[in-house]
């Protein structure tokens, strides 16, 4: 394993932080125009997951309900962070602040009523085994570079048999790379699937690359390529 000087590692970390900040700002603007926002869901998650709402005062009361599955729960303060959304469907979340107007609050603010959507499929990428068919070099025009990555996919009660392949975007300074799934659909069978993407385009300057793999809830799982493209 190559050990880089401490100064190099710090510069690399600072670059990733700057790049992530720029991309996050761009992603926020793009998502503001997405159809998902129009559905007014606070968050879309997979079955069996929790949501971290932050550090919540004990004075807060939550009610969580899902009429499709006859679910109703009353929670206090930080208990909401440990609530597992096991069943699929749309959940109604009611937030009630029980403090007087002159008392200070030390937690994030929420709408009194909002919704959480729970979907029947979950996935997790194993980036420790990601593979590139070719080394990425600056100035080279690619048309058939293949990225392969294992992903663990499960569905609620094995109810899903066929799902569309999720997307991948690639970012970096001076980068013009696009990725398309080799297979447009995934046939559910084994829990571990190997997803493959064909990459085309060019890297025009020295940079680090960020690979944003989207899951079925349009959430991003990011892989940062550790090598500087030069």
Protein backbone atom coordinates (compact mmCIF):
# COMPACT_ATOMS: atom_id res chain seq x y z
CA UNK A 1 0.00 0.00 0.00
CA UNK A 2 1.34 3.43 -0.95
CA UNK A 3 1.60 5.86 1.96
CA UNK A 4 1.14 9.47 0.92
CA UNK A 5 2.57 12.40 2.91
CA UNK A 6 0.28 13.89 5.52
CA UNK A 7 0.08 17.16 3.58
CA UNK A 8 -1.14 15.27 0.49
CA UNK A 9 -3.87 13.50 2.46
CA UNK A 10 -5.03 16.81 3.93
CA UNK A 11 -5.15 18.41 0.47
CA UNK A 12 -7.10 15.43 -0.85
CA UNK A 13 -9.59 15.67 2.04
CA UNK A 14 -10.03 19.42 1.52
CA UNK A 15 -10.64 18.85 -2.18
CA UNK A 16 -13.32 16.23 -1.47
CA UNK A 17 -15.02 18.55 1.03
CA UNK A 18 -15.05 21.43 -1.47
CA UNK A 19 -16.24 19.20 -4.30
CA UNK A 20 -18.97 17.65 -2.14
CA UNK A 21 -20.17 21.11 -1.10
CA UNK A 22 -20.42 22.27 -4.71
CA UNK A 23 -22.21 19.11 -5.83
CA UNK A 24 -24.55 19.15 -2.86
CA UNK A 25 -25.61 22.70 -3.73
CA UNK A 26 -26.21 21.68 -7.35
CA UNK A 27 -28.14 18.57 -6.27
CA UNK A 28 -30.36 20.61 -3.94
CA UNK A 29 -31.32 22.95 -6.78
CA UNK A 30 -31.97 20.03 -9.12
CA UNK A 31 -34.13 18.21 -6.60
CA UNK A 32 -36.20 21.33 -5.95
CA UNK A 33 -37.66 20.85 -9.43
CA UNK A 34 -38.14 17.08 -9.14
CA UNK A 35 -41.56 15.40 -9.06
CA UNK A 36 -40.66 13.79 -5.71
CA UNK A 37 -40.81 17.16 -3.97
CA UNK A 38 -44.32 17.75 -5.27
CA UNK A 39 -45.51 14.69 -3.38
CA UNK A 40 -44.64 16.50 -0.15
CA UNK A 41 -42.90 13.62 1.56
CA UNK A 42 -40.49 14.61 4.30
CA UNK A 43 -38.41 11.58 3.37
CA UNK A 44 -38.65 8.36 1.37
CA UNK A 45 -37.01 5.34 2.98
CA UNK A 46 -37.03 1.56 2.67
CA UNK A 47 -38.90 -0.84 4.97
CA UNK A 48 -37.18 -1.67 8.26
CA UNK A 49 -35.29 1.64 8.41
CA UNK A 50 -35.25 4.46 10.95
CA UNK A 51 -35.01 8.24 10.54
CA UNK A 52 -32.70 10.40 12.61
CA UNK A 53 -34.62 13.59 13.39
CA UNK A 54 -31.77 15.00 15.47
CA UNK A 55 -31.60 15.94 19.14
CA UNK A 56 -35.25 16.34 20.18
CA UNK A 57 -36.47 17.87 23.46
CA UNK A 58 -38.47 15.60 25.76
CA UNK A 59 -41.26 18.19 25.60
CA UNK A 60 -42.09 17.09 22.04
CA UNK A 61 -44.87 14.59 21.36
CA UNK A 62 -45.01 12.62 18.11
CA UNK A 63 -47.80 10.52 16.66
CA UNK A 64 -46.98 8.08 13.88
CA UNK A 65 -49.80 6.50 11.90
CA UNK A 66 -50.27 4.33 8.84
CA UNK A 67 -53.95 3.74 8.10
CA UNK A 68 -53.16 1.07 5.48
CA UNK A 69 -51.67 -1.20 8.14
CA UNK A 70 -53.60 -0.01 11.23
CA UNK A 71 -50.45 1.43 12.80
CA UNK A 72 -50.63 4.11 15.47
CA UNK A 73 -47.89 5.07 17.92
CA UNK A 74 -47.30 7.94 20.34
CA UNK A 75 -43.68 8.84 21.08
CA UNK A 76 -41.85 11.38 23.22
CA UNK A 77 -38.76 13.38 22.34
CA UNK A 78 -35.87 11.32 20.96
CA UNK A 79 -37.93 8.12 20.92
CA UNK A 80 -38.81 8.99 17.31
CA UNK A 81 -35.18 8.30 16.29
CA UNK A 82 -35.51 4.67 17.40
CA UNK A 83 -38.82 4.05 15.67
CA UNK A 84 -38.53 1.42 12.92
CA UNK A 85 -40.79 1.86 9.90
CA UNK A 86 -41.36 -1.85 9.30
CA UNK A 87 -44.42 -1.77 7.06
CA UNK A 88 -44.57 -0.20 3.61
CA UNK A 89 -46.92 2.65 2.77
CA UNK A 90 -47.42 6.32 3.65
CA UNK A 91 -47.00 7.39 7.26
CA UNK A 92 -48.56 10.52 8.76
CA UNK A 93 -46.29 12.17 11.33
CA UNK A 94 -47.70 14.72 13.77
CA UNK A 95 -45.27 16.96 15.66
CA UNK A 96 -46.48 18.75 18.77
CA UNK A 97 -44.40 21.19 20.83
CA UNK A 98 -45.50 21.26 24.49
CA UNK A 99 -43.49 24.27 25.65
CA UNK A 100 -44.73 27.72 26.47
CA UNK A 101 -44.05 30.48 23.96
CA UNK A 102 -41.42 32.12 26.20
CA UNK A 103 -39.44 28.88 26.63
CA UNK A 104 -36.49 28.27 24.33
CA UNK A 105 -36.24 25.23 22.01
CA UNK A 106 -33.04 23.34 21.31
CA UNK A 107 -34.07 21.07 18.48
CA UNK A 108 -34.77 21.32 14.74
CA UNK A 109 -38.14 22.78 13.74
CA UNK A 110 -40.70 20.63 11.95
CA UNK A 111 -44.08 21.14 10.38
CA UNK A 112 -46.96 20.07 12.58
CA UNK A 113 -47.94 17.44 10.02
CA UNK A 114 -45.82 15.75 7.36
CA UNK A 115 -45.55 12.43 5.57
CA UNK A 116 -42.93 9.69 5.28
CA UNK A 117 -43.05 7.19 2.44
CA UNK A 118 -41.78 3.63 3.05
CA UNK A 119 -40.99 1.54 -0.03
CA UNK A 120 -40.79 -2.28 -0.37
CA UNK A 121 -37.19 -2.49 -1.70
CA UNK A 122 -33.84 -1.70 -0.07
CA UNK A 123 -30.32 -1.82 -1.44
CA UNK A 124 -26.75 -1.33 -0.27
CA UNK A 125 -23.65 -1.04 -2.50
CA UNK A 126 -20.42 -2.84 -1.55
CA UNK A 127 -17.81 -0.33 -2.67
CA UNK A 128 -14.95 -2.41 -1.26
CA UNK A 129 -15.37 -4.65 -4.32
CA UNK A 130 -16.00 -2.05 -7.01
CA UNK A 131 -14.16 -2.80 -10.27
CA UNK A 132 -13.15 -0.70 -13.30
CA UNK A 133 -12.43 -2.45 -16.61
CA UNK A 134 -9.86 0.24 -17.49
CA UNK A 135 -7.82 2.81 -15.62
CA UNK A 136 -9.27 6.31 -15.94
CA UNK A 137 -6.74 8.78 -17.38
CA UNK A 138 -6.95 12.50 -18.13
CA UNK A 139 -7.58 13.38 -21.78
CA UNK A 140 -8.66 9.91 -22.87
CA UNK A 141 -12.05 9.64 -24.56
CA UNK A 142 -13.87 6.57 -23.24
CA UNK A 143 -16.78 4.83 -24.90
CA UNK A 144 -16.88 1.38 -23.30
CA UNK A 145 -15.42 1.57 -19.79
CA UNK A 146 -17.34 -0.82 -17.50
CA UNK A 147 -17.87 -0.27 -13.78
CA UNK A 148 -19.02 -3.33 -11.80
CA UNK A 149 -20.20 -3.16 -8.20
CA UNK A 150 -21.92 -5.74 -5.96
CA UNK A 151 -25.16 -4.61 -4.37
CA UNK A 152 -27.36 -6.24 -1.77
CA UNK A 153 -31.03 -5.98 -2.73
CA UNK A 154 -33.99 -7.20 -0.70
CA UNK A 155 -37.73 -6.70 -0.96
CA UNK A 156 -40.48 -6.87 1.63
CA UNK A 157 -41.76 -10.47 1.81
CA UNK A 158 -39.96 -11.12 -1.50
CA UNK A 159 -42.85 -9.32 -3.18
CA UNK A 160 -40.80 -7.65 -5.94
CA UNK A 161 -39.57 -9.74 -8.87
CA UNK A 162 -38.48 -7.13 -11.43
CA UNK A 163 -37.08 -3.65 -10.80
CA UNK A 164 -35.51 -0.95 -12.99
CA UNK A 165 -31.75 -0.50 -12.72
CA UNK A 166 -30.81 2.58 -10.66
CA UNK A 167 -28.74 5.39 -12.10
CA UNK A 168 -25.15 6.55 -11.67
CA UNK A 169 -23.67 10.03 -12.08
CA UNK A 170 -19.96 10.93 -12.10
CA UNK A 171 -18.59 14.29 -11.00
CA UNK A 172 -15.28 16.11 -10.73
CA UNK A 173 -13.55 19.23 -12.02
CA UNK A 174 -13.44 19.29 -15.80
CA UNK A 175 -15.29 15.97 -16.01
CA UNK A 176 -17.65 14.99 -18.81
CA UNK A 177 -18.46 11.35 -18.05
CA UNK A 178 -21.87 9.69 -18.39
CA UNK A 179 -22.92 6.25 -17.19
CA UNK A 180 -25.70 3.93 -18.32
CA UNK A 181 -26.70 0.58 -16.78
CA UNK A 182 -25.84 -2.38 -19.02
CA UNK A 183 -29.16 -3.96 -18.05
CA UNK A 184 -32.20 -1.73 -17.82
CA UNK A 185 -33.94 -4.10 -15.38
CA UNK A 186 -32.88 -6.29 -12.48
CA UNK A 187 -34.45 -9.72 -12.10
CA UNK A 188 -34.76 -10.42 -8.40
CA UNK A 189 -33.39 -13.84 -7.50
CA UNK A 190 -30.21 -13.87 -5.47
CA UNK A 191 -29.80 -11.29 -2.70
CA UNK A 192 -26.42 -10.14 -4.07
CA UNK A 193 -26.47 -8.68 -7.58
CA UNK A 194 -23.58 -7.37 -9.70
CA UNK A 195 -24.61 -4.10 -11.31
CA UNK A 196 -22.66 -2.96 -14.37
CA UNK A 197 -22.51 0.50 -15.91
CA UNK A 198 -21.04 1.58 -19.26
CA UNK A 199 -19.12 4.86 -18.98
CA UNK A 200 -18.35 7.23 -21.84
CA UNK A 201 -16.75 10.65 -22.04
CA UNK A 202 -13.55 12.35 -20.96
CA UNK A 203 -11.76 13.88 -17.96
CA UNK A 204 -10.23 17.17 -19.13
CA UNK A 205 -8.06 18.11 -16.14
CA UNK A 206 -6.47 16.73 -12.99
CA UNK A 207 -9.19 15.92 -10.50
CA UNK A 208 -10.67 13.41 -8.11
CA UNK A 209 -13.86 11.61 -9.09
CA UNK A 210 -17.08 11.11 -7.16
CA UNK A 211 -19.47 8.34 -8.21
CA UNK A 212 -23.05 8.86 -7.03
CA UNK A 213 -24.99 5.59 -7.13
CA UNK A 214 -28.74 6.13 -6.71
CA UNK A 215 -30.98 3.67 -4.89
CA UNK A 216 -34.68 3.06 -5.55
CA UNK A 217 -35.66 5.90 -3.21
CA UNK A 218 -33.54 8.36 -5.24
CA UNK A 219 -31.07 8.54 -2.36
CA UNK A 220 -27.35 8.68 -3.12
CA UNK A 221 -24.61 6.31 -2.00
CA UNK A 222 -21.28 7.89 -2.96
CA UNK A 223 -17.97 6.27 -3.84
CA UNK A 224 -14.91 8.56 -3.89
CA UNK A 225 -12.16 7.25 -6.14
CA UNK A 226 -8.96 7.67 -4.05
CA UNK A 227 -6.63 8.12 -7.05
CA UNK A 228 -5.97 11.53 -8.57
CA UNK A 229 -6.81 11.46 -12.28
CA UNK A 230 -3.79 12.88 -14.10
